[in-house]
Amino acid sequence: MHFEHSPQLWRDFPRLVPGVLHAKGITADAAVEGDVERLSARAAARNAHDGGQESALPQIQAWRRAFATLGLKPTQYRCAAESLLRRFRKEGSLPGIHPLIDLCNAASLAFAIPVGVFDLARITGDLRVRHAEGDEVYETFSGSEEHPEPGEVIFADDAGRAHARRWTNRQSGHSAVREETAEVLIIAEGLHEKAPDEVAELMDVVADALRAHWAVVPRAAVLTRSVPRFEL
């Protein structure tokens, strides 16, 4: 199996910086509260310094420009990081879901970068970020099925299943992490000027937490246009 973005996306978004991490041995009983608190505190400190408006962050502005380029209204369809930041600003915390999701959500808050976590047991073949043909199947968290619009950017596997719609906007319930999840692919994507350094730092933070709390040995890489593929 491998993960990659399509050549068309690299052409249209030359500042794209994807970070990818693969790990086995995930369980639902890890205690990550300390890391979640530290990462959340980092986000809170940035909010206090910058006035708390996520729309002013360069990381979020870059995704808004990308969504506008794709024909999406940035205030109607927000990248996952912006949605998390809005909820965090309003509520002061995020609900606990699963230790790995809680950790990655906190990392997304701290860096203002979208982070997706996929259960590899629920993915068939390779996973590619590409434009949809329109016949792919997307499963919502409630279990209903949808078809992406033709041309929409999706995460698609070889079975024609869409594991995320509108790029970093909406992940599928089909491959979401659940209690029995053991093997995952974690993907962080940045488009802003400092993305090369910040995506690499984010991946290091998550990898360190995986080693500390799950005693696993993750494999991680930051992809580029010249090296666009991550082999599992």
Protein backbone atom coordinates (compact mmCIF):
# COMPACT_ATOMS: atom_id res chain seq x y z
CA MET A 1 0.00 0.00 0.00
CA HIS A 2 1.07 3.58 -0.59
CA PHE A 3 -0.26 7.10 -0.03
CA GLU A 4 0.13 10.01 -2.42
CA HIS A 5 -1.44 13.16 -3.86
CA SER A 6 -2.29 13.37 -7.54
CA PRO A 7 0.07 15.22 -9.91
CA GLN A 8 -2.77 17.67 -10.63
CA LEU A 9 -2.95 18.69 -6.97
CA TRP A 10 0.82 19.17 -6.81
CA ARG A 11 0.58 21.31 -9.95
CA ASP A 12 -2.29 23.45 -8.66
CA PHE A 13 -0.99 23.74 -5.07
CA PRO A 14 2.81 23.85 -5.29
CA ARG A 15 3.11 24.94 -1.62
CA LEU A 16 1.46 21.73 -0.41
CA VAL A 17 3.36 20.03 2.43
CA PRO A 18 1.97 16.61 3.47
CA GLY A 19 3.26 14.85 6.56
CA VAL A 20 2.47 11.12 6.80
CA LEU A 21 2.88 8.71 9.71
CA HIS A 22 2.20 4.97 9.87
CA ALA A 23 1.88 3.09 13.16
CA LYS A 24 0.82 -0.36 14.35
CA GLY A 25 -0.09 -1.41 17.87
CA ILE A 26 -2.64 1.29 18.67
CA THR A 27 -5.00 0.61 21.58
CA ALA A 28 -7.83 2.57 23.17
CA ASP A 29 -6.43 2.61 26.72
CA ALA A 30 -3.46 5.00 26.45
CA ALA A 31 -3.35 7.96 28.86
CA VAL A 32 -2.56 11.02 26.73
CA GLU A 33 -4.16 13.69 28.93
CA GLY A 34 -0.83 15.36 29.74
CA ASP A 35 0.10 15.80 26.08
CA VAL A 36 -3.41 16.95 25.20
CA GLU A 37 -3.26 19.58 27.94
CA ARG A 38 0.14 20.87 26.82
CA LEU A 39 -0.86 21.10 23.18
CA SER A 40 -4.18 22.72 24.04
CA ALA A 41 -2.36 25.24 26.23
CA ARG A 42 -0.14 26.11 23.27
CA ALA A 43 -3.24 26.82 21.19
CA ALA A 44 -4.80 28.87 23.99
CA ALA A 45 -1.63 30.95 24.38
CA ARG A 46 -1.56 31.68 20.65
CA ASN A 47 -5.24 32.65 20.72
CA ALA A 48 -4.60 35.05 23.59
CA HIS A 49 -1.67 36.61 21.75
CA ASP A 50 -3.38 36.87 18.36
CA GLY A 51 -6.85 37.87 19.52
CA GLY A 52 -8.39 34.43 19.20
CA GLN A 53 -9.57 34.69 15.59
CA GLU A 54 -8.56 31.54 13.74
CA SER A 55 -9.38 33.17 10.39
CA ALA A 56 -6.38 35.49 10.90
CA LEU A 57 -3.88 32.63 11.18
CA PRO A 58 -1.68 32.13 8.09
CA GLN A 59 -2.28 28.37 8.25
CA ILE A 60 -6.05 28.87 8.03
CA GLN A 61 -5.84 31.67 5.48
CA ALA A 62 -3.90 29.37 3.17
CA TRP A 63 -6.62 26.70 3.38
CA ARG A 64 -9.33 29.30 2.80
CA ARG A 65 -7.56 30.39 -0.38
CA ALA A 66 -7.27 26.76 -1.49
CA PHE A 67 -10.96 26.11 -0.88
CA ALA A 68 -11.86 29.26 -2.80
CA THR A 69 -9.69 28.05 -5.70
CA LEU A 70 -11.67 24.80 -5.64
CA GLY A 71 -14.96 26.71 -5.83
CA LEU A 72 -15.91 26.21 -2.17
CA LYS A 73 -17.12 29.01 0.08
CA PRO A 74 -14.46 29.20 2.82
CA THR A 75 -16.99 30.17 5.50
CA GLN A 76 -19.34 27.34 4.52
CA TYR A 77 -16.74 24.62 4.16
CA ARG A 78 -13.88 24.95 6.64
CA CYS A 79 -10.78 22.82 6.89
CA ALA A 80 -10.78 20.48 9.89
CA ALA A 81 -8.24 22.59 11.79
CA GLU A 82 -10.37 25.71 11.52
CA SER A 83 -13.46 23.85 12.71
CA LEU A 84 -11.58 22.50 15.73
CA LEU A 85 -10.15 25.93 16.53
CA ARG A 86 -13.60 27.53 16.38
CA ARG A 87 -15.01 24.96 18.77
CA PHE A 88 -12.02 25.29 21.10
CA ARG A 89 -12.36 29.08 21.15
CA LYS A 90 -16.04 28.87 22.03
CA GLU A 91 -15.96 25.96 24.49
CA GLY A 92 -12.42 26.04 25.86
CA SER A 93 -11.81 22.33 25.24
CA LEU A 94 -12.63 19.46 22.90
CA PRO A 95 -14.61 16.33 23.85
CA GLY A 96 -12.68 13.09 24.36
CA ILE A 97 -13.21 10.52 21.60
CA HIS A 98 -10.27 8.07 21.56
CA PRO A 99 -6.75 8.64 22.94
CA LEU A 100 -5.19 8.84 19.47
CA ILE A 101 -7.90 11.14 18.12
CA ASP A 102 -7.66 13.34 21.22
CA LEU A 103 -3.90 13.58 20.74
CA CYS A 104 -4.12 14.41 17.04
CA ASN A 105 -6.93 16.92 17.57
CA ALA A 106 -4.79 18.66 20.18
CA ALA A 107 -1.83 18.70 17.78
CA SER A 108 -4.09 20.17 15.12
CA LEU A 109 -5.11 22.92 17.57
CA ALA A 110 -1.52 23.64 18.56
CA PHE A 111 -0.25 23.96 14.98
CA ALA A 112 -3.50 25.10 13.26
CA ILE A 113 -2.90 22.37 10.68
CA PRO A 114 -5.48 19.75 9.60
CA VAL A 115 -4.69 16.23 10.82
CA GLY A 116 -6.56 13.15 9.61
CA VAL A 117 -6.34 9.70 11.21
CA PHE A 118 -7.40 6.65 9.19
CA ASP A 119 -7.95 3.06 10.31
CA LEU A 120 -5.92 1.11 7.76
CA ALA A 121 -8.00 -2.03 8.23
CA ARG A 122 -10.85 -0.11 6.59
CA ILE A 123 -8.90 1.02 3.52
CA THR A 124 -8.62 -1.11 0.39
CA GLY A 125 -5.37 -0.89 -1.55
CA ASP A 126 -3.67 2.46 -2.01
CA LEU A 127 -4.93 5.79 -0.70
CA ARG A 128 -4.75 8.82 -2.99
CA VAL A 129 -5.80 12.43 -2.64
CA ARG A 130 -7.32 13.23 -6.02
CA HIS A 131 -10.25 14.79 -7.81
CA ALA A 132 -13.41 12.71 -7.65
CA GLU A 133 -15.05 11.16 -10.67
CA GLY A 134 -18.42 11.28 -8.89
CA ASP A 135 -19.15 7.57 -8.56
CA GLU A 136 -17.11 7.03 -5.39
CA VAL A 137 -18.94 6.06 -2.18
CA TYR A 138 -18.61 8.16 0.97
CA GLU A 139 -20.02 6.95 4.28
CA THR A 140 -21.08 9.54 6.87
CA PHE A 141 -20.66 9.05 10.62
CA SER A 142 -24.36 8.22 10.81
CA GLY A 143 -23.89 5.39 8.30
CA SER A 144 -25.62 6.97 5.29
CA GLU A 145 -23.89 7.03 1.92
CA GLU A 146 -23.12 9.93 -0.39
CA HIS A 147 -21.35 10.46 -3.70
CA PRO A 148 -18.79 13.26 -3.97
CA GLU A 149 -19.31 15.85 -6.68
CA PRO A 150 -17.21 15.27 -9.81
CA GLY A 151 -13.99 17.25 -9.45
CA GLU A 152 -14.21 17.44 -5.66
CA VAL A 153 -10.94 16.64 -3.88
CA ILE A 154 -11.24 13.38 -1.96
CA PHE A 155 -9.13 10.73 -0.25
CA ALA A 156 -9.92 7.65 -2.37
CA ASP A 157 -8.87 4.01 -2.12
CA ASP A 158 -8.71 1.33 -4.80
CA ALA A 159 -12.25 0.15 -4.04
CA GLY A 160 -13.67 3.53 -5.03
CA ARG A 161 -14.45 4.53 -1.48
CA ALA A 162 -13.97 8.17 -0.46
CA HIS A 163 -12.43 8.41 3.01
CA ALA A 164 -12.66 12.21 3.11
CA ARG A 165 -14.68 14.78 1.19
CA ARG A 166 -13.67 18.30 0.20
CA TRP A 167 -10.01 17.59 0.96
CA THR A 168 -9.51 18.44 4.65
CA ASN A 169 -13.13 19.37 5.36
CA ARG A 170 -14.98 16.16 6.18
CA GLN A 171 -13.61 12.72 7.04
CA SER A 172 -15.62 9.54 6.50
CA GLY A 173 -17.03 7.47 9.33
CA HIS A 174 -16.04 4.30 7.47
CA SER A 175 -12.32 4.54 8.28
CA ALA A 176 -12.58 6.58 11.47
CA VAL A 177 -10.61 5.32 14.46
CA ARG A 178 -12.66 3.11 16.78
CA GLU A 179 -11.97 1.05 19.90
CA GLU A 180 -10.62 -1.94 17.97
CA THR A 181 -8.37 0.11 15.66
CA ALA A 182 -4.79 -1.21 15.70
CA GLU A 183 -3.05 0.21 12.61
CA VAL A 184 -3.35 3.81 11.46
CA LEU A 185 -2.22 6.30 8.87
CA ILE A 186 -1.97 9.87 10.16
CA ILE A 187 -1.86 12.67 7.60
CA ALA A 188 -1.18 16.36 8.24
CA GLU A 189 -1.26 18.89 5.39
CA GLY A 190 -0.12 22.50 5.27
CA LEU A 191 -0.19 25.11 2.52
CA HIS A 192 1.26 28.18 4.27
CA GLU A 193 4.76 29.62 4.00
CA LYS A 194 6.11 27.96 7.13
CA ALA A 195 4.44 24.62 6.44
CA PRO A 196 7.69 22.69 5.75
CA ASP A 197 9.00 23.37 9.25
CA GLU A 198 5.68 23.25 11.09
CA VAL A 199 4.37 20.06 9.50
CA ALA A 200 7.69 18.35 10.29
CA GLU A 201 7.48 19.55 13.90
CA LEU A 202 3.88 18.38 14.21
CA MET A 203 4.81 14.92 12.95
CA ASP A 204 7.70 14.75 15.43
CA VAL A 205 5.35 15.66 18.30
CA VAL A 206 2.86 12.95 17.32
CA ALA A 207 5.58 10.36 16.73
CA ASP A 208 7.14 11.07 20.15
CA ALA A 209 3.72 10.67 21.81
CA LEU A 210 3.12 7.38 20.01
CA ARG A 211 6.45 6.04 21.22
CA ALA A 212 5.79 7.23 24.76
CA HIS A 213 2.15 6.15 25.19
CA TRP A 214 1.83 3.13 22.90
CA ALA A 215 5.45 1.89 22.83
CA VAL A 216 5.25 1.63 19.04
CA VAL A 217 7.83 2.48 16.40
CA PRO A 218 6.11 4.80 13.90
CA ARG A 219 7.38 5.55 10.40
CA ALA A 220 6.96 9.13 9.26
CA ALA A 221 7.88 11.31 6.31
CA VAL A 222 7.24 14.78 4.92
CA LEU A 223 6.42 14.45 1.24
CA THR A 224 7.38 16.80 -1.59
CA ARG A 225 6.52 17.20 -5.23
CA SER A 226 9.71 15.33 -6.15
CA VAL A 227 9.08 12.62 -3.53
CA PRO A 228 5.27 12.47 -3.40
CA ARG A 229 4.71 8.87 -2.32
CA PHE A 230 4.76 7.21 1.11
CA GLU A 231 5.19 3.43 0.97
CA LEU A 232 3.90 1.37 3.87
